Protein backbone atom coordinates (compact mmCIF):
# COMPACT_ATOMS: atom_id res chain seq x y z
CA UNK A 1 75.21 98.22 101.21
CA UNK A 2 74.02 94.83 100.07
CA UNK A 3 75.15 92.26 97.50
CA UNK A 4 72.60 93.40 94.94
CA UNK A 5 74.09 96.90 94.99
CA UNK A 6 77.64 95.59 94.86
CA UNK A 7 76.95 93.31 91.90
CA UNK A 8 74.70 95.67 89.93
CA UNK A 9 76.78 96.88 86.93
CA UNK A 10 74.89 100.17 86.98
CA UNK A 11 75.62 100.83 90.65
CA UNK A 12 78.10 103.64 91.42
CA UNK A 13 79.79 101.35 93.96
CA UNK A 14 80.26 98.66 91.30
CA UNK A 15 81.70 101.20 88.86
CA UNK A 16 84.08 102.60 91.49
CA UNK A 17 85.23 99.11 92.41
CA UNK A 18 85.85 98.18 88.78
CA UNK A 19 87.81 101.42 88.21
CA UNK A 20 89.91 100.71 91.28
CA UNK A 21 90.59 97.15 90.12
CA UNK A 22 91.56 98.43 86.66
CA UNK A 23 94.04 100.87 88.22
CA UNK A 24 95.53 98.11 90.36
CA UNK A 25 95.92 95.75 87.38
CA UNK A 26 97.46 98.53 85.24
CA UNK A 27 99.90 99.29 88.05
CA UNK A 28 100.75 95.59 88.36
CA UNK A 29 101.42 95.35 84.62
CA UNK A 30 103.70 98.38 84.74
CA UNK A 31 105.59 97.12 87.77
CA UNK A 32 106.08 93.69 86.22
CA UNK A 33 107.35 95.16 82.94
CA UNK A 34 109.71 97.55 84.72
CA UNK A 35 111.07 94.84 87.03
CA UNK A 36 111.70 92.47 84.12
CA UNK A 37 113.50 95.21 82.21
CA UNK A 38 115.65 96.11 85.23
CA UNK A 39 116.49 92.46 85.84
CA UNK A 40 117.54 91.99 82.20
CA UNK A 41 119.65 95.16 82.29
CA UNK A 42 121.39 94.22 85.54
CA UNK A 43 121.73 90.49 85.00
CA UNK A 44 122.84 89.88 81.40
CA UNK A 45 123.27 86.19 82.23
CA UNK A 46 119.47 85.94 82.16
CA UNK A 47 119.71 85.70 78.36
CA UNK A 48 121.26 82.25 78.84
CA UNK A 49 119.28 81.25 81.95
CA UNK A 50 117.33 78.04 82.19
CA UNK A 51 113.52 77.97 82.07
CA UNK A 52 113.53 77.15 85.81
CA UNK A 53 115.42 80.36 86.56
CA UNK A 54 113.03 82.38 84.42
CA UNK A 55 110.08 80.76 86.18
CA UNK A 56 111.52 81.58 89.61
CA UNK A 57 112.25 85.15 88.52
CA UNK A 58 108.74 85.61 87.14
CA UNK A 59 107.23 84.22 90.34
CA UNK A 60 109.22 86.66 92.46
CA UNK A 61 108.46 89.65 90.24
CA UNK A 62 104.76 88.90 89.91
CA UNK A 63 104.25 88.16 93.60
CA UNK A 64 105.96 91.33 94.74
CA UNK A 65 104.31 93.44 92.03
CA UNK A 66 100.85 92.33 93.08
CA UNK A 67 101.52 93.15 96.73
CA UNK A 68 103.17 96.46 95.86
CA UNK A 69 100.33 97.57 93.61
CA UNK A 70 97.76 96.87 96.34
CA UNK A 71 99.91 98.66 98.93
CA UNK A 72 100.32 101.66 96.61
CA UNK A 73 96.58 101.76 95.95
CA UNK A 74 95.87 101.61 99.68
CA UNK A 75 98.40 104.34 100.45
CA UNK A 76 96.98 106.64 97.78
CA UNK A 77 93.47 105.88 99.03
CA UNK A 78 94.44 106.69 102.61
CA UNK A 79 94.02 103.14 103.88
CA UNK A 80 96.42 101.34 106.11
CA UNK A 81 98.02 98.42 104.31
CA UNK A 82 96.27 95.92 106.58
CA UNK A 83 92.84 97.51 106.11
CA UNK A 84 92.36 95.93 102.71
CA UNK A 85 93.22 92.46 101.56
CA UNK A 86 92.87 91.05 98.05
């Protein structure tokens, strides 16, 4: 496998990689939305929280959602979590 094959939009490897990335991003979006909803349901004081608190909450949710989506993708794909790093 060489760079030309990896970067060729008509290559099956390129298409598989793009599909995998799309699944990971879709999973991230779903995890982020679900975590925000759960936080709002369990912490009603968030409605009155400062922008700094919302920023810290978003940072925590997004960071963990990205890692979780990659770990889920790796688990479903049969990879160990340390075999693949984004």
